[in-house]
Structure formats: C-alpha cells, structure tokens
Protein backbone atom coordinates (compact mmCIF):
# COMPACT_ATOMS: atom_id res chain seq x y z
CA UNK A 1 -21.61 5.58 -31.91
CA UNK A 2 -18.05 4.96 -32.77
CA UNK A 3 -17.04 8.64 -31.99
CA UNK A 4 -19.02 8.16 -28.61
CA UNK A 5 -17.22 4.88 -27.82
CA UNK A 6 -13.77 6.87 -28.41
CA UNK A 7 -14.39 9.61 -26.08
CA UNK A 8 -16.29 7.79 -23.22
CA UNK A 9 -14.18 8.33 -20.08
CA UNK A 10 -12.03 5.38 -19.03
CA UNK A 11 -12.41 4.65 -15.32
CA UNK A 12 -9.06 4.95 -13.31
CA UNK A 13 -10.26 1.92 -11.10
CA UNK A 14 -13.46 0.29 -12.10
CA UNK A 15 -15.37 -0.75 -9.04
CA UNK A 16 -18.61 -0.78 -11.08
CA UNK A 17 -17.35 -3.65 -13.31
CA UNK A 18 -16.21 -5.75 -10.38
CA UNK A 19 -19.62 -5.09 -8.74
CA UNK A 20 -21.35 -6.42 -11.76
CA UNK A 21 -19.12 -9.42 -11.73
CA UNK A 22 -19.85 -10.27 -8.08
CA UNK A 23 -23.66 -10.15 -8.91
CA UNK A 24 -25.85 -10.02 -5.88
CA UNK A 25 -23.28 -11.73 -3.56
CA UNK A 26 -22.11 -8.31 -1.91
CA UNK A 27 -25.81 -7.31 -1.55
CA UNK A 28 -26.51 -10.67 0.13
CA UNK A 29 -23.56 -10.45 2.48
CA UNK A 30 -24.50 -6.87 3.59
CA UNK A 31 -28.08 -8.02 3.94
CA UNK A 32 -26.96 -10.78 6.43
CA UNK A 33 -25.32 -8.15 8.51
CA UNK A 34 -28.32 -5.97 8.45
CA UNK A 35 -30.42 -8.95 9.61
CA UNK A 36 -28.15 -10.08 12.53
CA UNK A 37 -27.28 -6.41 13.50
CA UNK A 38 -23.88 -7.29 15.05
CA UNK A 39 -22.29 -4.10 13.31
CA UNK A 40 -19.22 -4.25 15.53
CA UNK A 41 -17.28 -7.63 15.94
CA UNK A 42 -19.89 -9.69 14.22
CA UNK A 43 -19.03 -13.06 13.01
CA UNK A 44 -17.79 -11.86 9.53
CA UNK A 45 -14.97 -10.11 11.25
CA UNK A 46 -13.44 -13.41 12.70
CA UNK A 47 -14.33 -15.19 9.31
CA UNK A 48 -12.36 -12.57 7.23
CA UNK A 49 -9.23 -12.74 9.69
CA UNK A 50 -9.29 -16.52 9.33
CA UNK A 51 -9.60 -16.40 5.48
CA UNK A 52 -6.82 -13.64 5.29
CA UNK A 53 -4.60 -15.74 7.38
CA UNK A 54 -5.13 -18.86 5.15
CA UNK A 55 -4.45 -16.69 2.02
CA UNK A 56 -1.41 -15.13 3.22
CA UNK A 57 0.26 -17.80 5.39
CA UNK A 58 0.45 -15.55 8.43
CA UNK A 59 -0.43 -17.15 11.85
CA UNK A 60 -2.47 -14.25 13.10
CA UNK A 61 -4.56 -11.52 11.47
CA UNK A 62 -5.97 -8.58 13.35
CA UNK A 63 -8.27 -6.52 11.23
CA UNK A 64 -8.60 -2.78 11.87
CA UNK A 65 -10.06 0.54 10.80
CA UNK A 66 -7.43 1.59 8.30
CA UNK A 67 -4.00 0.96 6.92
CA UNK A 68 -2.89 3.93 8.94
CA UNK A 69 -4.13 2.36 12.29
CA UNK A 70 -2.44 -0.82 11.22
CA UNK A 71 0.83 0.77 11.15
CA UNK A 72 0.15 2.95 14.33
CA UNK A 73 -1.09 -0.14 16.39
CA UNK A 74 2.05 -2.14 15.86
CA UNK A 75 4.25 0.93 16.66
CA UNK A 76 2.07 1.40 19.84
CA UNK A 77 2.28 -2.21 20.59
CA UNK A 78 6.17 -2.23 20.58
CA UNK A 79 6.32 1.01 22.72
CA UNK A 80 7.84 3.10 19.91
CA UNK A 81 7.85 6.74 21.21
CA UNK A 82 9.94 9.77 21.80
CA UNK A 83 13.72 9.37 21.29
CA UNK A 84 13.18 6.55 18.77
CA UNK A 85 13.90 6.67 15.21
CA UNK A 86 11.87 4.86 12.48
CA UNK A 87 13.37 4.47 9.16
CA UNK A 88 10.90 5.07 6.20
CA UNK A 89 11.09 5.66 2.49
CA UNK A 90 10.38 9.13 1.56
CA UNK A 91 8.63 8.25 -1.87
CA UNK A 92 5.46 6.89 -0.42
CA UNK A 93 2.01 7.77 0.94
CA UNK A 94 2.32 10.22 4.04
CA UNK A 95 0.62 7.62 6.16
CA UNK A 96 3.98 5.67 6.45
CA UNK A 97 5.75 8.58 8.29
CA UNK A 98 2.63 9.92 9.70
CA UNK A 99 2.09 6.76 11.95
CA UNK A 100 5.57 7.13 13.25
CA UNK A 101 5.20 10.87 14.15
CA UNK A 102 1.95 10.16 15.91
CA UNK A 103 3.76 7.97 18.43
CA UNK A 104 6.14 10.93 19.26
CA UNK A 105 8.98 8.89 17.56
CA UNK A 106 10.94 10.61 14.67
CA UNK A 107 10.73 9.26 11.10
CA UNK A 108 13.95 9.26 9.45
CA UNK A 109 13.48 9.35 5.67
CA UNK A 110 15.66 7.23 3.31
CA UNK A 111 15.84 6.95 -0.38
CA UNK A 112 14.42 4.44 -2.82
CA UNK A 113 15.78 2.56 -5.79
CA UNK A 114 14.43 4.39 -9.00
CA UNK A 115 13.85 1.16 -10.88
CA UNK A 116 11.53 -0.46 -8.29
CA UNK A 117 10.24 2.74 -6.44
CA UNK A 118 11.06 0.77 -3.19
CA UNK A 119 13.56 1.43 -0.29
CA UNK A 120 17.32 1.50 -1.10
CA UNK A 121 19.05 -0.72 1.43
CA UNK A 122 22.37 1.35 1.05
CA UNK A 123 20.29 4.57 1.92
CA UNK A 124 18.76 2.63 4.92
CA UNK A 125 22.22 2.04 6.31
CA UNK A 126 23.19 5.74 5.98
CA UNK A 127 19.77 6.67 7.49
CA UNK A 128 20.55 4.55 10.73
CA UNK A 129 23.90 6.27 10.99
CA UNK A 130 22.02 9.73 10.55
CA UNK A 131 19.59 8.82 13.25
CA UNK A 132 22.39 7.95 15.74
CA UNK A 133 24.24 11.16 14.90
CA UNK A 134 21.18 13.02 15.86
CA UNK A 135 20.94 11.21 19.33
CA UNK A 136 18.05 8.93 18.34
CA UNK A 137 17.64 5.34 18.92
CA UNK A 138 16.98 3.50 15.76
CA UNK A 139 14.08 1.23 16.73
CA UNK A 140 12.21 0.20 13.61
CA UNK A 141 12.22 0.09 9.82
CA UNK A 142 9.12 0.41 7.59
CA UNK A 143 9.80 -0.80 4.18
CA UNK A 144 6.97 -0.22 1.70
CA UNK A 145 5.73 -2.57 -1.09
CA UNK A 146 5.04 0.37 -3.35
CA UNK A 147 2.66 0.30 -6.27
CA UNK A 148 2.07 -3.51 -5.70
CA UNK A 149 5.83 -4.66 -5.79
CA UNK A 150 7.41 -6.11 -2.68
CA UNK A 151 10.47 -4.21 -1.26
CA UNK A 152 13.85 -6.19 -1.13
CA UNK A 153 12.93 -7.89 1.98
CA UNK A 154 16.04 -10.18 2.44
CA UNK A 155 18.37 -7.14 2.21
CA UNK A 156 16.24 -5.01 4.61
CA UNK A 157 16.08 -7.94 7.01
CA UNK A 158 19.75 -8.42 7.06
CA UNK A 159 20.40 -4.92 7.96
CA UNK A 160 17.63 -4.67 10.59
CA UNK A 161 18.97 -7.92 12.14
CA UNK A 162 22.54 -6.52 12.34
CA UNK A 163 21.27 -3.02 13.77
CA UNK A 164 18.75 -4.65 15.95
CA UNK A 165 15.70 -3.01 14.46
CA UNK A 166 12.11 -4.32 14.18
CA UNK A 167 10.56 -4.60 10.69
CA UNK A 168 7.07 -3.56 9.94
CA UNK A 169 6.17 -4.02 6.32
CA UNK A 170 3.80 -1.40 4.84
CA UNK A 171 1.82 -3.54 2.38
CA UNK A 172 -1.00 -1.05 1.87
CA UNK A 173 -0.47 -1.49 -1.76
CA UNK A 174 1.27 -4.97 -1.85
CA UNK A 175 -1.00 -7.26 -0.24
CA UNK A 176 -1.42 -10.30 -2.74
CA UNK A 177 2.06 -10.05 -4.16
CA UNK A 178 5.05 -12.42 -3.36
CA UNK A 179 8.69 -12.16 -2.94
CA UNK A 180 10.97 -15.18 -3.80
CA UNK A 181 8.05 -17.45 -3.27
CA UNK A 182 6.71 -16.05 -0.03
CA UNK A 183 3.44 -14.05 0.13
CA UNK A 184 3.41 -10.54 1.42
CA UNK A 185 2.15 -10.77 4.93
CA UNK A 186 4.85 -13.15 6.18
CA UNK A 187 7.94 -10.72 6.39
CA UNK A 188 9.30 -8.98 9.53
CA UNK A 189 7.66 -8.83 12.79
CA UNK A 190 4.34 -7.74 11.25
CA UNK A 191 2.83 -6.55 8.09
CA UNK A 192 0.28 -3.78 7.67
CA UNK A 193 -2.20 -3.41 4.76
CA UNK A 194 -5.09 -1.32 3.84
CA UNK A 195 -8.52 -2.01 2.31
CA UNK A 196 -9.18 1.38 1.05
CA UNK A 197 -11.65 1.09 -2.01
CA UNK A 198 -9.29 1.84 -4.54
CA UNK A 199 -6.89 -1.01 -3.38
CA UNK A 200 -6.72 -4.27 -5.31
CA UNK A 201 -8.35 -5.93 -2.39
CA UNK A 202 -10.77 -2.94 -1.19
CA UNK A 203 -13.71 -2.59 0.95
CA UNK A 204 -16.61 -0.02 0.54
CA UNK A 205 -15.04 2.35 3.17
CA UNK A 206 -11.86 2.43 5.13
CA UNK A 207 -10.48 -0.81 6.49
CA UNK A 208 -7.04 -2.48 7.22
CA UNK A 209 -5.36 -5.47 8.77
CA UNK A 210 -2.17 -6.53 10.53
CA UNK A 211 -0.44 -9.85 9.83
CA UNK A 212 2.04 -11.54 12.19
CA UNK A 213 3.27 -14.78 13.56
CA UNK A 214 4.03 -13.40 16.91
CA UNK A 215 1.31 -14.55 19.56
CA UNK A 216 2.10 -11.99 22.05
CA UNK A 217 2.11 -9.09 19.44
CA UNK A 218 -1.32 -10.43 18.22
CA UNK A 219 -2.79 -10.41 21.68
CA UNK A 220 -1.49 -6.81 22.37
CA UNK A 221 -2.92 -5.75 19.07
CA UNK A 222 -6.36 -6.99 19.89
CA UNK A 223 -6.27 -4.92 23.13
CA UNK A 224 -5.12 -1.75 21.54
CA UNK A 225 -7.81 -2.01 18.84
CA UNK A 226 -10.32 -1.73 21.58
CA UNK A 227 -8.96 1.29 23.81
CA UNK A 228 -6.29 -0.95 25.32
CA UNK A 229 -8.94 -3.08 27.29
CA UNK A 230 -7.65 -5.96 29.44
CA UNK A 231 -9.79 -8.95 30.56
CA UNK A 232 -12.24 -6.46 32.29
CA UNK A 233 -13.52 -4.21 29.69
CA UNK A 234 -13.58 -1.30 32.16
CA UNK A 235 -10.02 -1.77 33.28
CA UNK A 236 -8.02 -0.56 30.20
CA UNK A 237 -4.28 -1.76 30.72
CA UNK A 238 -2.78 0.37 27.92
CA UNK A 239 -3.37 3.26 25.82
CA UNK A 240 -5.33 2.18 22.62
CA UNK A 241 -7.54 3.33 19.80
CA UNK A 242 -11.07 2.72 18.39
CA UNK A 243 -9.38 0.71 15.64
CA UNK A 244 -11.88 -1.93 14.79
CA UNK A 245 -12.85 -2.95 11.27
CA UNK A 246 -16.63 -2.99 11.13
CA UNK A 247 -18.67 -6.04 10.29
CA UNK A 248 -20.23 -4.62 7.15
CA UNK A 249 -16.72 -4.13 5.53
CA UNK A 250 -15.56 -7.53 6.56
CA UNK A 251 -18.59 -9.10 5.00
CA UNK A 252 -17.84 -7.24 1.69
CA UNK A 253 -13.98 -8.21 1.84
CA UNK A 254 -14.93 -11.94 2.38
CA UNK A 255 -16.83 -11.86 -1.02
CA UNK A 256 -14.09 -9.97 -2.83
CA UNK A 257 -11.44 -12.22 -1.42
CA UNK A 258 -13.00 -15.12 -3.34
CA UNK A 259 -12.02 -13.58 -6.73
CA UNK A 260 -8.82 -11.86 -5.66
CA UNK A 261 -6.46 -14.39 -7.25
CA UNK A 262 -8.34 -14.21 -10.45
CA UNK A 263 -8.14 -10.36 -10.36
CA UNK A 264 -4.45 -10.45 -9.64
CA UNK A 265 -3.84 -12.46 -12.82
CA UNK A 266 -5.99 -10.11 -14.74
CA UNK A 267 -4.00 -7.03 -13.47
CA UNK A 268 -0.80 -8.72 -14.43
CA UNK A 269 -2.07 -9.22 -17.99
CA UNK A 270 -2.91 -5.50 -18.12
CA UNK A 271 0.63 -4.59 -16.79
CA UNK A 272 2.20 -6.99 -19.54
CA UNK A 273 0.15 -5.14 -22.33
CA UNK A 274 1.27 -1.73 -21.18
CA UNK A 275 4.89 -2.87 -21.12
CA UNK A 276 4.66 -4.06 -24.63
CA UNK A 277 2.74 -1.11 -25.85
CA UNK A 278 4.73 1.58 -24.08
CA UNK A 279 8.13 0.15 -23.41
CA UNK A 280 9.81 1.88 -26.30
CA UNK A 281 8.25 5.39 -25.35
CA UNK A 282 8.51 5.74 -21.63
CA UNK A 283 10.11 4.09 -18.56
CA UNK A 284 7.67 1.30 -17.78
CA UNK A 285 7.85 -0.26 -14.32
CA UNK A 286 9.56 -3.64 -13.94
CA UNK A 287 9.19 -6.37 -11.33
CA UNK A 288 12.50 -7.29 -9.46
CA UNK A 289 13.68 -10.94 -10.06
CA UNK A 290 11.77 -13.41 -7.96
CA UNK A 291 9.05 -10.91 -7.25
CA UNK A 292 5.46 -10.75 -8.39
CA UNK A 293 3.33 -7.54 -8.27
CA UNK A 294 -0.33 -6.92 -7.76
CA UNK A 295 0.12 -3.65 -9.76
CA UNK A 296 -1.94 -1.36 -7.36
CA UNK A 297 -0.83 1.30 -9.56
CA UNK A 298 0.71 1.29 -13.05
CA UNK A 299 3.31 4.16 -12.83
CA UNK A 300 5.51 5.15 -15.67
CA UNK A 301 8.19 7.78 -15.84
CA UNK A 302 8.03 10.35 -18.72
CA UNK A 303 11.02 11.16 -20.90
CA UNK A 304 13.27 13.98 -19.63
CA UNK A 305 11.84 17.28 -20.53
CA UNK A 306 8.28 16.22 -20.91
CA UNK A 307 5.73 18.62 -19.55
CA UNK A 308 3.84 16.30 -17.18
CA UNK A 309 0.86 18.67 -16.82
CA UNK A 310 0.46 19.09 -20.39
CA UNK A 311 0.72 15.32 -20.86
CA UNK A 312 -1.99 14.74 -18.22
CA UNK A 313 -4.10 17.44 -19.93
CA UNK A 314 -3.80 15.71 -23.34
CA UNK A 315 -4.83 12.31 -21.96
CA UNK A 316 -7.74 13.89 -20.12
CA UNK A 317 -9.06 15.44 -23.25
CA UNK A 318 -9.18 11.97 -24.81
CA UNK A 319 -11.07 10.58 -21.72
CA UNK A 320 -8.19 9.01 -20.06
CA UNK A 321 -7.55 9.98 -16.23
CA UNK A 322 -4.12 9.99 -14.74
CA UNK A 323 -2.90 10.45 -11.28
CA UNK A 324 0.63 11.62 -9.78
CA UNK A 325 1.88 9.43 -6.98
CA UNK A 326 3.72 11.37 -5.46
CA UNK A 327 4.41 14.83 -6.83
CA UNK A 328 6.15 15.60 -3.56
CA UNK A 329 8.06 13.02 -1.56
CA UNK A 330 7.41 13.03 2.15
CA UNK A 331 10.52 14.85 3.13
CA UNK A 332 9.37 17.70 0.76
CA UNK A 333 5.97 18.14 2.33
CA UNK A 334 5.13 20.90 4.84
CA UNK A 335 4.57 18.63 7.76
CA UNK A 336 7.51 16.32 7.39
CA UNK A 337 10.22 18.69 6.01
CA UNK A 338 11.96 19.19 9.36
CA UNK A 339 12.47 15.50 9.97
CA UNK A 340 15.84 14.02 9.39
CA UNK A 341 16.88 12.58 6.05
CA UNK A 342 19.58 9.99 5.35
CA UNK A 343 23.08 11.29 4.73
CA UNK A 344 23.62 11.95 0.94
CA UNK A 345 20.14 13.20 0.50
CA UNK A 346 17.24 11.55 -1.31
CA UNK A 347 17.95 12.14 -5.05
CA UNK A 348 16.16 9.25 -6.43
CA UNK A 349 12.94 10.25 -4.53
CA UNK A 350 13.23 13.79 -5.62
CA UNK A 351 13.78 12.72 -9.23
CA UNK A 352 10.78 10.36 -9.29
CA UNK A 353 8.50 13.06 -7.93
CA UNK A 354 9.18 15.23 -10.94
CA UNK A 355 8.53 12.70 -13.72
CA UNK A 356 6.16 9.84 -12.50
CA UNK A 357 2.66 9.51 -13.67
CA UNK A 358 0.10 6.65 -13.22
CA UNK A 359 -2.22 5.23 -15.84
CA UNK A 360 -5.60 3.44 -15.21
CA UNK A 361 -5.08 -0.10 -14.02
CA UNK A 362 -7.62 -2.64 -12.72
CA UNK A 363 -8.71 -6.25 -13.42
CA UNK A 364 -11.44 -5.21 -15.79
CA UNK A 365 -9.45 -3.06 -18.26
CA UNK A 366 -10.21 -4.88 -21.53
CA UNK A 367 -7.91 -4.93 -24.50
CA UNK A 368 -9.73 -2.39 -26.69
CA UNK A 369 -10.01 0.16 -23.88
CA UNK A 370 -6.32 -0.26 -23.05
CA UNK A 371 -5.39 0.17 -26.59
CA UNK A 372 -7.07 3.56 -26.42
CA UNK A 373 -5.04 4.55 -23.30
CA UNK A 374 -1.68 3.31 -25.14
CA UNK A 375 -2.66 5.34 -28.21
CA UNK A 376 -3.45 8.41 -26.04
CA UNK A 377 -0.02 8.17 -24.43
CA UNK A 378 1.59 7.98 -27.84
CA UNK A 379 -0.37 10.93 -29.23
CA UNK A 380 0.41 12.98 -26.20
CA UNK A 381 4.17 12.33 -26.45
CA UNK A 382 4.25 13.00 -30.13
CA UNK A 383 2.32 16.21 -29.80
C-alpha cells in the first residue's frame, strides 16, 4: 500500500479534486442551462459578467470565446493594423504576439526581467525606438502577467503615456492577482484573460473575458463579439468575429468563482511550501514588492549545467509531471522569428528558455503529496 502511495502519479493540475469539492453545484448549473436551452447569450452570461466586474472592480466585463479572442477583439476595436507596432514580451505564450499579427500589425518583441519573468520597462523603451527605426508607428503595448504575477504596471503605464501607446494587459495567467492593492483587470485601457481549463479560474472548454472602464470600448467589443453587428443584426457596421462565450461555460464559471478567493489562498500556501523546501536548491520564483500572485504556474530555474530533460525524466519516473513554459521564446519560433526585436536583443528571455521548468501547483496539492514533489526534485538534482 505504501509503495503504491509513493508511486501514484501526482496531477499537474487537479481538476478532479476541485470537482469533488464543488459537489453537485456544477452539474446543477449545467442542468439549468440544458433545461432553458439558451445555449448562446443565456442569462448566465450576463450574470457572470456582473460577478466578474464586482470581483475585479472593472466597470465593464465583456466575456468572449478565448483569451486569444480577448486580445484580438481589443486590438480590432482600436483599429490596430498594418503599419502599427505593438510591443510584446517574447517570453510568453504565442497568443500574445499572435493576436497582434492577426490584425496585420507588427509585434515587436521586448525582453523580460529574469527575477519576475515579466516585461522589462528598459527593453520596452528600446523596443519603441526599434519600431520607429523600422518605420512603424508604436500603437500599443501588451504587458503579460506571467505565471500569475502582475507586470510592473506603473512603470509600463508611465512609458506608454509618454509615448502615446494604449495598454492592453494580458492577464491570461494573472486574473485574481493584485498590484499595489489594485486587482488585475483595472490596469491600462483594457485587460484580457483566459478561462482555459488549466487556469486558476478555468471553465470546461475555451473561454475568456475583457475588462475595461471605457464605455465606448465596451460597446464596440460587444459588437465585434457578434460579427460586428449594429442595432440591426443584418447590418453589420464593422468587421467582427464569432467571439461569444457559451452559456454552459458561463454557468460553470459562476460556480467556480464562488470558491476562487479560497483557492487563491491555497495556491499561495503551496507556493510558500515550495519556496521553503526548494529555495536552497533551485532559483524559486519571488513576487515583486507590493504584488500578489495567483501562481498559475510554479516555475523554477535549474542550477547552471543541469540537464533539464534528465531532470524531467527523473521526476516522471517518480510519478511527478513537469512542464516547460517556454522552451522557445516567441522570437525564436518559426512563425515569429522574422518580426523585430528590441535593440540589444532579448538575453533574459533566451536564458530563461534554457533553464525554466514548472512543477505541479493547484489549490488541492496537500502537504504529503507536495513533500513527495520536493523530495523528487532533491533526488533528481543529487543524482
């Protein structure tokens, strides 16, 4: 029995444990949708948007089909397109730069700060200069709240204001965190988030949302979400998407939002245990002063010279899954390597891509299981 306990695989994200905790509430919520049959724009969609606005402090919430659509819809609403430059960190999910490229604008990649994984304001300034040298018009900046920790929003806002850029916060991994006492969802012109199932607040499929205090932007986004429709649904007034969040996902998210604060606290306890257990062995992530993280990922940096693949294999043999976010920064990927990078290059992004690895983290990672993960890391590094 003990041997079995020691080798039973540890879930990377434990959706089953969360499902058990929620009991029949999710089933009941889905059942209500199956009964009323309003699968698109049912009452749960408006209820979710209101609940998310209350949670975040944003005036408007426009739910949508994915985190990528959330980014794309804001860029479309602000007429970002060919000839425009949008500054993005390179060390992030491809969706950040992808949304920019889909509008016809040019993503210009900037570096991150190694200690926080988030956009480096100094590299942002250099990236803006690079964009202008290329004959592009710097139009927007998309800071990313990576792995659950907010970017340095004050520093980025100051640069954006001085340079006339709009700020679109990519909080796909950061919704629920706070920066200097303000919740994510209240920075810049708008904030985009994702409800992909593995996210701290995730649905059972794809989903996303946009947060803004701008009345006109919210109205435009609601039009873009449905093919750009105007007051007459057969007279579309702009180009749009099929960008809606379906009612079933909204119903699921409403139930999950009720336990979200509690889960964030549990994630923070897990992160603290990792920091205590691994801080003397690997570079553990630290939150910047005045910030809180939701620990969407727990990403460590391995000591120089460690064989990352062998390390992952060693953990896997002990029933511990790992993941690498991101083995290639965006400017190193085939689809994006011809786009401009900030002057001075992106050494931090390239360095991180060689030595980061993420460990299991979720609200239901109990102490004995986490002790197993910590011990497996120790064993792998001592091997």
